[in-house]
Amino acid sequence: MSGAPGAAPGGTGHRTVPHTGDLAVEAWAPEREECVAEAVRGAVGGFAEIPPGALRTEREYELADDTDERLLVSALEEMIFRAETAGELPAQVSVRRTETAVRMRLAMVDSALVEQVGAVPKAVSLHGLRMAREASGGWRCHVTLDV
């Protein structure tokens, strides 16, 4: 985790928060897209430790972004889908806006190479989902993942 939940504008980070039987993640960053990337990093870190230097495969996806919350859900659903169907997890995540879309780039690692430290999420819960710009100008989100 970098930064702190009450960090000054410009801080970036994430943390898992207590939630009965599920994985809850908070993330914050100066920009919306970086906040989404931090949430994905936090989600992965909540259930897996990826060894440094593991072989990575680059993947890129276009994300749904009709609302801020939909962008967050779209990114996390893609991570869950790749874990379930391709057996790979993102070691690195970047999210950026282009002229026509929001794109997520993932450096994926075979999940057989990671140490599982928690239950792998199965879905994104819409209950309690938040993604918003703060008064300070930065972005903060909260999401619960069903495990």
C-alpha atoms as a PDB file:
ATOM      1  CA  MET A   1       0.000   0.000   0.000  1.00  0.00           C
ATOM      2  CA  SER A   2       1.229   3.480  -0.753  1.00  0.00           C
ATOM      3  CA  GLY A   3      -0.148   6.710   0.597  1.00  0.00           C
ATOM      4  CA  ALA A   4      -2.735   6.663   3.364  1.00  0.00           C
ATOM      5  CA  PRO A   5      -6.525   6.844   3.402  1.00  0.00           C
ATOM      6  CA  GLY A   6      -6.486  10.468   4.496  1.00  0.00           C
ATOM      7  CA  ALA A   7      -3.464  11.406   2.393  1.00  0.00           C
ATOM      8  CA  ALA A   8      -3.159  14.808   0.790  1.00  0.00           C
ATOM      9  CA  PRO A   9      -4.172  15.227  -2.851  1.00  0.00           C
ATOM     10  CA  GLY A  10      -1.648  13.564  -5.106  1.00  0.00           C
ATOM     11  CA  GLY A  11      -1.424  10.441  -2.947  1.00  0.00           C
ATOM     12  CA  THR A  12      -2.053   7.047  -4.515  1.00  0.00           C
ATOM     13  CA  GLY A  13      -2.745   3.772  -2.754  1.00  0.00           C
ATOM     14  CA  HIS A  14      -5.099   1.025  -1.725  1.00  0.00           C
ATOM     15  CA  ARG A  15      -5.987  -1.119   1.250  1.00  0.00           C
ATOM     16  CA  THR A  16      -8.195  -4.052   2.041  1.00  0.00           C
ATOM     17  CA  VAL A  17     -10.816  -3.383   4.678  1.00  0.00           C
ATOM     18  CA  PRO A  18     -12.563  -5.828   7.001  1.00  0.00           C
ATOM     19  CA  HIS A  19     -15.696  -7.370   5.502  1.00  0.00           C
ATOM     20  CA  THR A  20     -17.412 -10.548   6.658  1.00  0.00           C
ATOM     21  CA  GLY A  21     -16.686 -13.401   4.255  1.00  0.00           C
ATOM     22  CA  ASP A  22     -15.775 -11.210   1.285  1.00  0.00           C
ATOM     23  CA  LEU A  23     -12.882  -9.037   0.098  1.00  0.00           C
ATOM     24  CA  ALA A  24     -13.418  -5.269   0.373  1.00  0.00           C
ATOM     25  CA  VAL A  25     -10.957  -2.825  -1.189  1.00  0.00           C
ATOM     26  CA  GLU A  26     -10.565   0.944  -0.934  1.00  0.00           C
ATOM     27  CA  ALA A  27      -8.361   2.826  -3.375  1.00  0.00           C
ATOM     28  CA  TRP A  28      -7.453   6.453  -3.953  1.00  0.00           C
ATOM     29  CA  ALA A  29      -5.510   8.446  -6.538  1.00  0.00           C
ATOM     30  CA  PRO A  30      -5.379  11.907  -8.115  1.00  0.00           C
ATOM     31  CA  GLU A  31      -6.986  10.664 -11.375  1.00  0.00           C
ATOM     32  CA  ARG A  32     -10.046   8.447 -11.955  1.00  0.00           C
ATOM     33  CA  GLU A  33      -8.217   5.918 -14.138  1.00  0.00           C
ATOM     34  CA  GLU A  34      -5.351   5.521 -11.648  1.00  0.00           C
ATOM     35  CA  CYS A  35      -7.873   4.987  -8.843  1.00  0.00           C
ATOM     36  CA  VAL A  36      -9.368   2.109 -10.863  1.00  0.00           C
ATOM     37  CA  ALA A  37      -5.889   0.631 -11.432  1.00  0.00           C
ATOM     38  CA  GLU A  38      -5.182   0.873  -7.672  1.00  0.00           C
ATOM     39  CA  ALA A  39      -8.450  -0.954  -6.922  1.00  0.00           C
ATOM     40  CA  VAL A  40      -7.427  -3.815  -9.231  1.00  0.00           C
ATOM     41  CA  ARG A  41      -3.980  -3.945  -7.597  1.00  0.00           C
ATOM     42  CA  GLY A  42      -5.605  -3.993  -4.160  1.00  0.00           C
ATOM     43  CA  ALA A  43      -8.015  -6.745  -5.161  1.00  0.00           C
ATOM     44  CA  VAL A  44      -5.218  -8.972  -6.491  1.00  0.00           C
ATOM     45  CA  GLY A  45      -3.079  -8.265  -3.435  1.00  0.00           C
ATOM     46  CA  GLY A  46      -5.984  -9.354  -1.242  1.00  0.00           C
ATOM     47  CA  PHE A  47      -5.731 -12.949  -2.413  1.00  0.00           C
ATOM     48  CA  ALA A  48      -2.377 -13.466  -4.192  1.00  0.00           C
ATOM     49  CA  GLU A  49       1.320 -12.710  -3.854  1.00  0.00           C
ATOM     50  CA  ILE A  50       2.987 -12.511  -7.249  1.00  0.00           C
ATOM     51  CA  PRO A  51       6.699 -13.370  -7.265  1.00  0.00           C
ATOM     52  CA  PRO A  52       9.010 -10.733  -8.707  1.00  0.00           C
ATOM     53  CA  GLY A  53      10.465 -11.627 -12.066  1.00  0.00           C
ATOM     54  CA  ALA A  54       7.677 -14.041 -13.050  1.00  0.00           C
ATOM     55  CA  LEU A  55       7.173 -14.237 -16.825  1.00  0.00           C
ATOM     56  CA  ARG A  56       4.508 -11.764 -17.917  1.00  0.00           C
ATOM     57  CA  THR A  57       2.210 -11.569 -20.916  1.00  0.00           C
ATOM     58  CA  GLU A  58       0.818  -8.181 -21.947  1.00  0.00           C
ATOM     59  CA  ARG A  59      -2.926  -7.904 -22.496  1.00  0.00           C
ATOM     60  CA  GLU A  60      -5.068  -4.859 -23.245  1.00  0.00           C
ATOM     61  CA  TYR A  61      -8.814  -4.397 -22.871  1.00  0.00           C
ATOM     62  CA  GLU A  62     -11.351  -1.681 -23.542  1.00  0.00           C
ATOM     63  CA  LEU A  63     -13.452  -0.971 -20.462  1.00  0.00           C
ATOM     64  CA  ALA A  64     -17.078   0.112 -20.177  1.00  0.00           C
ATOM     65  CA  ASP A  65     -17.113   3.624 -18.747  1.00  0.00           C
ATOM     66  CA  ASP A  66     -20.626   5.025 -19.094  1.00  0.00           C
ATOM     67  CA  THR A  67     -20.427   5.837 -15.346  1.00  0.00           C
ATOM     68  CA  ASP A  68     -17.519   6.004 -12.904  1.00  0.00           C
ATOM     69  CA  GLU A  69     -18.847   2.973 -11.034  1.00  0.00           C
ATOM     70  CA  ARG A  70     -19.261   0.990 -14.267  1.00  0.00           C
ATOM     71  CA  LEU A  71     -15.609   1.687 -15.137  1.00  0.00           C
ATOM     72  CA  LEU A  72     -14.510   0.273 -11.773  1.00  0.00           C
ATOM     73  CA  VAL A  73     -16.743  -2.786 -12.093  1.00  0.00           C
ATOM     74  CA  SER A  74     -15.639  -3.393 -15.695  1.00  0.00           C
ATOM     75  CA  ALA A  75     -11.953  -3.446 -14.716  1.00  0.00           C
ATOM     76  CA  LEU A  76     -12.500  -5.805 -11.785  1.00  0.00           C
ATOM     77  CA  GLU A  77     -14.771  -8.109 -13.785  1.00  0.00           C
ATOM     78  CA  GLU A  78     -12.072  -8.413 -16.442  1.00  0.00           C
ATOM     79  CA  MET A  79      -9.492  -9.361 -13.799  1.00  0.00           C
ATOM     80  CA  ILE A  80     -11.860 -11.997 -12.330  1.00  0.00           C
ATOM     81  CA  PHE A  81     -12.731 -13.333 -15.795  1.00  0.00           C
ATOM     82  CA  ARG A  82      -9.040 -13.739 -16.736  1.00  0.00           C
ATOM     83  CA  ALA A  83      -8.321 -15.504 -13.429  1.00  0.00           C
ATOM     84  CA  GLU A  84     -11.216 -17.938 -13.917  1.00  0.00           C
ATOM     85  CA  THR A  85     -10.926 -18.647 -17.650  1.00  0.00           C
ATOM     86  CA  ALA A  86      -7.231 -18.214 -18.463  1.00  0.00           C
ATOM     87  CA  GLY A  87      -5.595 -18.934 -15.113  1.00  0.00           C
ATOM     88  CA  GLU A  88      -3.674 -15.666 -15.071  1.00  0.00           C
ATOM     89  CA  LEU A  89      -3.441 -12.668 -12.746  1.00  0.00           C
ATOM     90  CA  PRO A  90      -2.207  -9.128 -13.316  1.00  0.00           C
ATOM     91  CA  ALA A  91       1.223  -8.370 -11.878  1.00  0.00           C
ATOM     92  CA  GLN A  92       1.014  -4.819 -13.254  1.00  0.00           C
ATOM     93  CA  VAL A  93      -2.026  -2.703 -14.100  1.00  0.00           C
ATOM     94  CA  SER A  94      -2.448   0.565 -15.944  1.00  0.00           C
ATOM     95  CA  VAL A  95      -5.666   2.273 -16.976  1.00  0.00           C
ATOM     96  CA  ARG A  96      -5.701   5.218 -19.363  1.00  0.00           C
ATOM     97  CA  ARG A  97      -8.176   7.277 -21.313  1.00  0.00           C
ATOM     98  CA  THR A  98      -7.652   7.481 -25.060  1.00  0.00           C
ATOM     99  CA  GLU A  99      -9.527   9.729 -27.482  1.00  0.00           C
ATOM    100  CA  THR A 100     -12.240   7.112 -27.926  1.00  0.00           C
ATOM    101  CA  ALA A 101     -12.216   4.796 -24.896  1.00  0.00           C
ATOM    102  CA  VAL A 102     -10.745   3.803 -21.555  1.00  0.00           C
ATOM    103  CA  ARG A 103      -8.157   1.030 -21.910  1.00  0.00           C
ATOM    104  CA  MET A 104      -6.656  -1.251 -19.290  1.00  0.00           C
ATOM    105  CA  ARG A 105      -3.247  -2.828 -19.860  1.00  0.00           C
ATOM    106  CA  LEU A 106      -2.320  -5.842 -17.756  1.00  0.00           C
ATOM    107  CA  ALA A 107       0.997  -7.650 -17.400  1.00  0.00           C
ATOM    108  CA  MET A 108      -0.338 -11.133 -16.655  1.00  0.00           C
ATOM    109  CA  VAL A 109       1.343 -13.972 -14.754  1.00  0.00           C
ATOM    110  CA  ASP A 110       0.287 -17.626 -14.796  1.00  0.00           C
ATOM    111  CA  SER A 111      -1.699 -18.151 -11.591  1.00  0.00           C
ATOM    112  CA  ALA A 112       0.183 -21.428 -10.977  1.00  0.00           C
ATOM    113  CA  LEU A 113       3.243 -19.248 -10.201  1.00  0.00           C
ATOM    114  CA  VAL A 114       1.583 -17.110  -7.510  1.00  0.00           C
ATOM    115  CA  GLU A 115       1.122 -17.799  -3.822  1.00  0.00           C
ATOM    116  CA  GLN A 116      -2.564 -17.767  -2.960  1.00  0.00           C
ATOM    117  CA  VAL A 117      -3.085 -15.929   0.344  1.00  0.00           C
ATOM    118  CA  GLY A 118      -6.875 -15.667   0.247  1.00  0.00           C
ATOM    119  CA  ALA A 119      -9.978 -16.759  -1.597  1.00  0.00           C
ATOM    120  CA  VAL A 120     -10.121 -15.801  -5.281  1.00  0.00           C
ATOM    121  CA  PRO A 121     -13.037 -13.412  -5.959  1.00  0.00           C
ATOM    122  CA  LYS A 122     -15.952 -14.755  -7.991  1.00  0.00           C
ATOM    123  CA  ALA A 123     -17.896 -11.521  -8.622  1.00  0.00           C
ATOM    124  CA  VAL A 124     -18.097  -7.800  -7.962  1.00  0.00           C
ATOM    125  CA  SER A 125     -20.827  -6.827  -5.523  1.00  0.00           C
ATOM    126  CA  LEU A 126     -22.797  -3.693  -6.358  1.00  0.00           C
ATOM    127  CA  HIS A 127     -23.794  -3.306  -2.700  1.00  0.00           C
ATOM    128  CA  GLY A 128     -21.850  -0.417  -1.162  1.00  0.00           C
ATOM    129  CA  LEU A 129     -20.001   0.303  -4.423  1.00  0.00           C
ATOM    130  CA  ARG A 130     -18.595   3.850  -4.484  1.00  0.00           C
ATOM    131  CA  MET A 131     -16.417   5.700  -6.984  1.00  0.00           C
ATOM    132  CA  ALA A 132     -16.276   9.467  -6.756  1.00  0.00           C
ATOM    133  CA  ARG A 133     -14.152  12.580  -6.928  1.00  0.00           C
ATOM    134  CA  GLU A 134     -13.411  13.956  -3.474  1.00  0.00           C
ATOM    135  CA  ALA A 135     -13.606  17.586  -2.432  1.00  0.00           C
ATOM    136  CA  SER A 136      -9.779  17.599  -2.446  1.00  0.00           C
ATOM    137  CA  GLY A 137      -9.872  16.870  -6.192  1.00  0.00           C
ATOM    138  CA  GLY A 138      -8.617  13.283  -6.014  1.00  0.00           C
ATOM    139  CA  TRP A 139     -10.618  10.101  -6.530  1.00  0.00           C
ATOM    140  CA  ARG A 140     -11.607   7.405  -4.025  1.00  0.00           C
ATOM    141  CA  CYS A 141     -13.451   4.134  -4.460  1.00  0.00           C
ATOM    142  CA  HIS A 142     -14.765   1.293  -2.326  1.00  0.00           C
ATOM    143  CA  VAL A 143     -15.748  -2.097  -3.703  1.00  0.00           C
ATOM    144  CA  THR A 144     -16.634  -5.488  -2.261  1.00  0.00           C
ATOM    145  CA  LEU A 145     -15.744  -8.669  -4.100  1.00  0.00           C
ATOM    146  CA  ASP A 146     -17.696 -11.867  -3.463  1.00  0.00           C
ATOM    147  CA  VAL A 147     -15.372 -14.773  -2.709  1.00  0.00           C
END
